[in-house]
Amino acid sequence: MSTRGKVAVAGVVAAIVLFWAVGFWAGLLVLIGVPTAAYFLLDSSQRRRIRGMSRKQIGR
């Protein structure tokens, strides 16, 4: 299994545990809010680099 596959499986398991532990809406808020907040904490050059990486993968 690739590294991305392992990360995806770990994310699904974490989401299930989080939903079970704190409830659906609070878990959904954490799962969406944490990555969004992390993205907004990057400065503009780092955001540009991340957007460029995803575009390169789409163009393969």
N, C-alpha and C. Protein backbone atom coordinates (compact mmCIF):
# COMPACT_ATOMS: atom_id res chain seq x y z
N MET A 1 0.85 -1.17 0.00
CA MET A 1 0.00 0.00 0.00
C MET A 1 0.90 1.24 0.00
N SER A 2 0.51 2.24 -0.77
CA SER A 2 1.31 3.45 -0.86
C SER A 2 1.19 4.28 0.42
N THR A 3 2.08 5.24 0.55
CA THR A 3 2.05 6.12 1.72
C THR A 3 0.75 6.92 1.76
N ARG A 4 0.30 7.38 0.59
CA ARG A 4 -0.96 8.14 0.56
C ARG A 4 -2.14 7.27 0.98
N GLY A 5 -2.11 6.01 0.59
CA GLY A 5 -3.18 5.09 0.99
C GLY A 5 -3.21 4.88 2.49
N LYS A 6 -2.04 4.75 3.08
CA LYS A 6 -1.96 4.59 4.54
C LYS A 6 -2.48 5.83 5.26
N VAL A 7 -2.15 7.00 4.74
CA VAL A 7 -2.63 8.25 5.34
C VAL A 7 -4.14 8.34 5.22
N ALA A 8 -4.69 7.94 4.07
CA ALA A 8 -6.14 7.97 3.88
C ALA A 8 -6.84 7.03 4.85
N VAL A 9 -6.32 5.84 5.02
CA VAL A 9 -6.92 4.87 5.95
C VAL A 9 -6.84 5.40 7.38
N ALA A 10 -5.70 5.97 7.74
CA ALA A 10 -5.56 6.54 9.09
C ALA A 10 -6.53 7.69 9.31
N GLY A 11 -6.76 8.50 8.28
CA GLY A 11 -7.72 9.60 8.39
C GLY A 11 -9.14 9.10 8.60
N VAL A 12 -9.51 8.06 7.88
CA VAL A 12 -10.86 7.49 8.04
C VAL A 12 -11.03 6.91 9.44
N VAL A 13 -10.03 6.20 9.92
CA VAL A 13 -10.10 5.63 11.27
C VAL A 13 -10.19 6.74 12.32
N ALA A 14 -9.38 7.79 12.15
CA ALA A 14 -9.43 8.91 13.10
C ALA A 14 -10.79 9.59 13.07
N ALA A 15 -11.38 9.73 11.88
CA ALA A 15 -12.70 10.36 11.78
C ALA A 15 -13.75 9.53 12.50
N ILE A 16 -13.71 8.22 12.32
CA ILE A 16 -14.70 7.35 12.99
C ILE A 16 -14.56 7.45 14.50
N VAL A 17 -13.34 7.42 14.99
CA VAL A 17 -13.11 7.52 16.43
C VAL A 17 -13.56 8.89 16.94
N LEU A 18 -13.24 9.94 16.20
CA LEU A 18 -13.62 11.29 16.61
C LEU A 18 -15.13 11.46 16.63
N PHE A 19 -15.81 10.96 15.59
CA PHE A 19 -17.27 11.06 15.56
C PHE A 19 -17.88 10.31 16.74
N TRP A 20 -17.33 9.15 17.06
CA TRP A 20 -17.85 8.36 18.17
C TRP A 20 -17.59 9.05 19.51
N ALA A 21 -16.42 9.70 19.65
CA ALA A 21 -16.03 10.27 20.94
C ALA A 21 -16.73 11.60 21.24
N VAL A 22 -16.88 12.47 20.24
CA VAL A 22 -17.40 13.80 20.53
C VAL A 22 -18.69 14.14 19.82
N GLY A 23 -19.19 13.26 18.98
CA GLY A 23 -20.42 13.55 18.26
C GLY A 23 -20.11 13.97 16.83
N PHE A 24 -21.14 13.85 15.99
CA PHE A 24 -20.94 14.06 14.56
C PHE A 24 -20.53 15.49 14.23
N TRP A 25 -21.29 16.48 14.69
CA TRP A 25 -21.04 17.87 14.27
C TRP A 25 -19.72 18.42 14.82
N ALA A 26 -19.41 18.09 16.05
CA ALA A 26 -18.13 18.54 16.62
C ALA A 26 -16.97 17.86 15.89
N GLY A 27 -17.13 16.59 15.58
CA GLY A 27 -16.09 15.87 14.84
C GLY A 27 -15.90 16.43 13.45
N LEU A 28 -17.00 16.73 12.78
CA LEU A 28 -16.93 17.32 11.44
C LEU A 28 -16.26 18.69 11.48
N LEU A 29 -16.58 19.47 12.50
CA LEU A 29 -15.94 20.78 12.65
C LEU A 29 -14.43 20.64 12.82
N VAL A 30 -14.00 19.68 13.60
CA VAL A 30 -12.56 19.47 13.80
C VAL A 30 -11.90 18.99 12.51
N LEU A 31 -12.54 18.03 11.82
CA LEU A 31 -11.95 17.47 10.61
C LEU A 31 -11.83 18.49 9.48
N ILE A 32 -12.73 19.44 9.43
CA ILE A 32 -12.66 20.49 8.40
C ILE A 32 -11.89 21.69 8.90
N GLY A 33 -12.07 22.04 10.15
CA GLY A 33 -11.48 23.27 10.69
C GLY A 33 -9.97 23.23 10.88
N VAL A 34 -9.43 22.12 11.31
CA VAL A 34 -8.00 22.04 11.58
C VAL A 34 -7.17 22.19 10.30
N PRO A 35 -7.46 21.43 9.22
CA PRO A 35 -6.68 21.65 7.99
C PRO A 35 -6.86 23.04 7.39
N THR A 36 -8.08 23.59 7.50
CA THR A 36 -8.34 24.93 6.98
C THR A 36 -7.53 25.97 7.76
N ALA A 37 -7.53 25.86 9.07
CA ALA A 37 -6.75 26.79 9.89
C ALA A 37 -5.26 26.66 9.60
N ALA A 38 -4.78 25.44 9.41
CA ALA A 38 -3.37 25.23 9.09
C ALA A 38 -3.01 25.87 7.77
N TYR A 39 -3.90 25.77 6.77
CA TYR A 39 -3.66 26.38 5.46
C TYR A 39 -3.57 27.90 5.59
N PHE A 40 -4.48 28.48 6.36
CA PHE A 40 -4.48 29.94 6.50
C PHE A 40 -3.32 30.46 7.34
N LEU A 41 -2.69 29.60 8.12
CA LEU A 41 -1.52 30.02 8.89
C LEU A 41 -0.25 30.08 8.04
N LEU A 42 -0.27 29.48 6.84
CA LEU A 42 0.88 29.55 5.95
C LEU A 42 0.98 30.95 5.36
N ASP A 43 2.20 31.37 5.02
CA ASP A 43 2.30 32.66 4.34
C ASP A 43 2.07 32.45 2.84
N SER A 44 1.98 33.54 2.10
CA SER A 44 1.55 33.48 0.71
C SER A 44 2.48 32.63 -0.16
N SER A 45 3.79 32.66 0.09
CA SER A 45 4.70 31.87 -0.74
C SER A 45 4.50 30.37 -0.49
N GLN A 46 4.22 29.99 0.74
CA GLN A 46 3.97 28.58 1.05
C GLN A 46 2.66 28.11 0.43
N ARG A 47 1.62 28.96 0.46
CA ARG A 47 0.35 28.60 -0.17
C ARG A 47 0.52 28.44 -1.67
N ARG A 48 1.29 29.32 -2.29
CA ARG A 48 1.53 29.25 -3.72
C ARG A 48 2.24 27.93 -4.06
N ARG A 49 3.18 27.53 -3.24
CA ARG A 49 3.91 26.28 -3.46
C ARG A 49 2.98 25.08 -3.36
N ILE A 50 2.08 25.08 -2.40
CA ILE A 50 1.13 23.98 -2.25
C ILE A 50 0.18 23.92 -3.45
N ARG A 51 -0.32 25.07 -3.89
CA ARG A 51 -1.20 25.07 -5.06
C ARG A 51 -0.46 24.58 -6.30
N GLY A 52 0.81 24.94 -6.45
CA GLY A 52 1.60 24.49 -7.59
C GLY A 52 1.83 22.99 -7.57
N MET A 53 2.02 22.42 -6.39
CA MET A 53 2.24 20.97 -6.27
C MET A 53 0.99 20.22 -6.70
N SER A 54 -0.18 20.69 -6.31
CA SER A 54 -1.40 19.98 -6.68
C SER A 54 -1.67 20.12 -8.17
N ARG A 55 -1.32 21.23 -8.77
CA ARG A 55 -1.50 21.40 -10.21
C ARG A 55 -0.59 20.48 -11.00
N LYS A 56 0.64 20.27 -10.52
CA LYS A 56 1.57 19.37 -11.19
C LYS A 56 1.03 17.94 -11.19
N GLN A 57 0.43 17.55 -10.09
CA GLN A 57 -0.10 16.19 -10.01
C GLN A 57 -1.29 16.01 -10.93
N ILE A 58 -2.10 17.05 -11.10
CA ILE A 58 -3.26 16.96 -11.99
C ILE A 58 -2.78 16.83 -13.43
N GLY A 59 -1.69 17.51 -13.78
CA GLY A 59 -1.21 17.52 -15.15
C GLY A 59 -0.41 16.31 -15.57
N ARG A 60 -0.20 15.35 -14.70
CA ARG A 60 0.62 14.17 -15.04
C ARG A 60 0.05 13.37 -16.15
